[in-house]
Amino acid sequence: MRLLSDTMGEIEVKKSRFLCYLHRTESEDDARNFIRSIRKEHPQSRHVCTAMVIDGLKRSSDDGEPSGTAGRPILSVLEGADLDHICAAVVRYFGGTLLGTGGLVRAYSDAVKTALETAVLGEARTMRRYSLTVPYALSGRTENWI
């Protein structure tokens, strides 16, 4: 499945805000540009943790959170939803209360799940376009045959 249009979801856990942005991407460069734009949009945020899945390429980043508490859970949700060509960036604004490793894993996972609830998904299909030129006298017969 693929994301058809960009979407966003937000949750709050113990006064920390988690904003998840989902972006359809065709390349790692496009995903990195998207992540850069999210960082510019939220310069005061504490962390921007990310994950991407593109044609079997899987990447994730905890961006300063304890190892394995942000990027990997985000990636797991994307994999569990069987999504491809997608990049997720979760922006965290710290609320003053430490969540612990389990709390961080749940918060980052739930942020992505919340964004996926509003996402418009579709199936990717490879299509081909053909062109056929026929004399005018045969156009009706050819059209019926097709």
Protein backbone atom coordinates (compact mmCIF):
# COMPACT_ATOMS: atom_id res chain seq x y z
CA MET A 1 0.00 0.00 0.00
CA ARG A 2 1.08 3.57 -0.57
CA LEU A 3 0.20 6.92 0.90
CA LEU A 4 -1.77 8.92 -1.67
CA SER A 5 -1.42 12.32 0.00
CA ASP A 6 0.60 13.77 2.86
CA THR A 7 -1.06 13.76 6.26
CA MET A 8 -0.43 14.67 9.88
CA GLY A 9 -1.53 13.42 13.29
CA GLU A 10 -0.97 14.76 16.80
CA ILE A 11 -1.07 13.28 20.29
CA GLU A 12 -0.17 14.57 23.75
CA VAL A 13 1.44 12.39 26.42
CA LYS A 14 2.20 13.91 29.85
CA LYS A 15 2.33 17.42 28.37
CA SER A 16 4.76 16.37 25.59
CA ARG A 17 3.35 16.97 22.10
CA PHE A 18 4.07 14.47 19.32
CA LEU A 19 3.31 15.62 15.75
CA CYS A 20 3.60 12.91 13.10
CA TYR A 21 3.98 13.91 9.46
CA LEU A 22 3.61 11.23 6.77
CA HIS A 23 4.98 11.90 3.30
CA ARG A 24 4.84 9.87 0.11
CA THR A 25 8.33 9.62 -1.33
CA GLU A 26 9.97 8.08 -4.36
CA SER A 27 13.60 8.38 -3.26
CA GLU A 28 15.81 8.66 -0.21
CA ASP A 29 16.84 12.17 -1.31
CA ASP A 30 13.21 13.26 -1.45
CA ALA A 31 12.66 11.81 2.04
CA ARG A 32 15.71 13.64 3.41
CA ASN A 33 14.47 16.91 1.87
CA PHE A 34 11.09 16.35 3.52
CA ILE A 35 12.75 15.73 6.90
CA ARG A 36 14.83 18.89 6.45
CA SER A 37 11.66 20.91 5.75
CA ILE A 38 9.99 19.54 8.91
CA ARG A 39 13.05 20.52 10.98
CA LYS A 40 12.86 24.06 9.51
CA GLU A 41 9.14 24.23 10.26
CA HIS A 42 9.72 23.23 13.92
CA PRO A 43 13.01 24.82 15.01
CA GLN A 44 12.00 24.89 18.70
CA SER A 45 11.22 21.16 18.90
CA ARG A 46 13.29 18.89 21.09
CA HIS A 47 13.49 15.96 18.63
CA VAL A 48 12.49 15.07 15.06
CA CYS A 49 12.62 11.28 14.88
CA THR A 50 12.17 9.65 11.50
CA ALA A 51 11.71 6.43 9.56
CA MET A 52 11.35 5.62 5.88
CA VAL A 53 10.54 2.60 3.71
CA ILE A 54 11.40 2.87 0.01
CA ASP A 55 11.57 -0.25 -2.21
CA GLY A 56 13.04 -2.43 0.54
CA LEU A 57 15.32 0.33 1.87
CA LYS A 58 14.53 0.90 5.56
CA ARG A 59 16.02 3.69 7.61
CA SER A 60 15.23 5.16 11.01
CA SER A 61 16.66 7.78 13.38
CA ASP A 62 16.16 8.37 17.11
CA ASP A 63 17.50 11.96 16.82
CA GLY A 64 18.89 12.09 20.35
CA GLU A 65 16.21 10.01 22.06
CA PRO A 66 17.47 6.89 23.88
CA SER A 67 18.53 4.24 21.38
CA GLY A 68 15.65 2.21 19.95
CA THR A 69 12.86 4.27 21.55
CA ALA A 70 11.77 6.39 18.58
CA GLY A 71 13.02 5.55 15.08
CA ARG A 72 12.60 1.79 15.33
CA PRO A 73 9.02 1.98 16.75
CA ILE A 74 8.07 4.41 13.97
CA LEU A 75 9.53 2.02 11.39
CA SER A 76 7.72 -0.93 12.97
CA VAL A 77 4.34 0.78 12.59
CA LEU A 78 5.05 1.56 8.92
CA GLU A 79 6.12 -2.05 8.30
CA GLY A 80 3.09 -3.38 10.19
CA ALA A 81 0.80 -1.34 7.95
CA ASP A 82 2.61 -2.83 4.92
CA LEU A 83 3.45 0.60 3.51
CA ASP A 84 6.07 1.44 0.90
CA HIS A 85 7.42 4.70 -0.49
CA ILE A 86 6.69 6.48 2.76
CA CYS A 87 8.58 8.72 5.16
CA ALA A 88 7.41 9.51 8.70
CA ALA A 89 8.76 12.37 10.80
CA VAL A 90 7.61 12.69 14.41
CA VAL A 91 8.28 16.05 16.05
CA ARG A 92 8.45 16.07 19.85
CA TYR A 93 7.95 19.11 22.01
CA PHE A 94 9.10 18.15 25.52
CA GLY A 95 6.50 18.76 28.22
CA GLY A 96 8.77 18.54 31.24
CA THR A 97 8.03 14.96 32.30
CA LEU A 98 10.35 12.09 31.39
CA LEU A 99 8.40 9.25 29.79
CA GLY A 100 10.93 6.43 30.20
CA THR A 101 11.86 4.04 27.42
CA GLY A 102 8.52 2.21 27.38
CA GLY A 103 6.61 5.47 27.39
CA LEU A 104 8.67 6.83 24.51
CA VAL A 105 8.14 3.68 22.44
CA ARG A 106 4.36 3.86 23.01
CA ALA A 107 4.19 7.61 22.35
CA TYR A 108 6.11 7.49 19.05
CA SER A 109 4.17 4.41 17.89
CA ASP A 110 0.83 5.97 18.82
CA ALA A 111 1.70 9.21 17.02
CA VAL A 112 2.27 7.30 13.77
CA LYS A 113 -0.90 5.22 14.28
CA THR A 114 -2.89 8.43 14.81
CA ALA A 115 -1.56 9.90 11.55
CA LEU A 116 -2.34 6.65 9.71
CA GLU A 117 -5.97 6.81 10.88
CA THR A 118 -6.52 9.89 8.69
CA ALA A 119 -4.21 8.82 5.86
CA VAL A 120 -5.56 8.12 2.39
CA LEU A 121 -3.94 4.89 1.21
CA GLY A 122 -4.06 3.15 -2.14
CA GLU A 123 -2.61 0.21 -3.98
CA ALA A 124 0.34 0.79 -6.30
CA ARG A 125 0.00 -0.73 -9.73
CA THR A 126 2.33 -0.73 -12.68
CA MET A 127 0.50 0.36 -15.80
CA ARG A 128 1.44 0.69 -19.44
CA ARG A 129 0.10 2.94 -22.12
CA TYR A 130 -0.25 1.68 -25.67
CA SER A 131 -0.94 3.51 -28.88
CA LEU A 132 -2.48 2.00 -31.99
CA THR A 133 -2.91 3.69 -35.35
CA VAL A 134 -5.44 2.24 -37.79
CA PRO A 135 -7.10 3.53 -40.97
CA TYR A 136 -10.36 5.38 -40.37
CA ALA A 137 -12.35 2.68 -42.18
CA LEU A 138 -11.21 0.11 -39.58
CA SER A 139 -11.59 2.32 -36.50
CA GLY A 140 -15.07 1.07 -35.54
CA ARG A 141 -14.15 -2.58 -35.92
CA THR A 142 -10.88 -2.04 -34.02
CA GLU A 143 -12.64 -0.20 -31.21
CA ASN A 144 -15.16 -3.04 -30.83
CA TRP A 145 -12.34 -5.60 -30.79
CA ILE A 146 -10.49 -3.69 -28.06
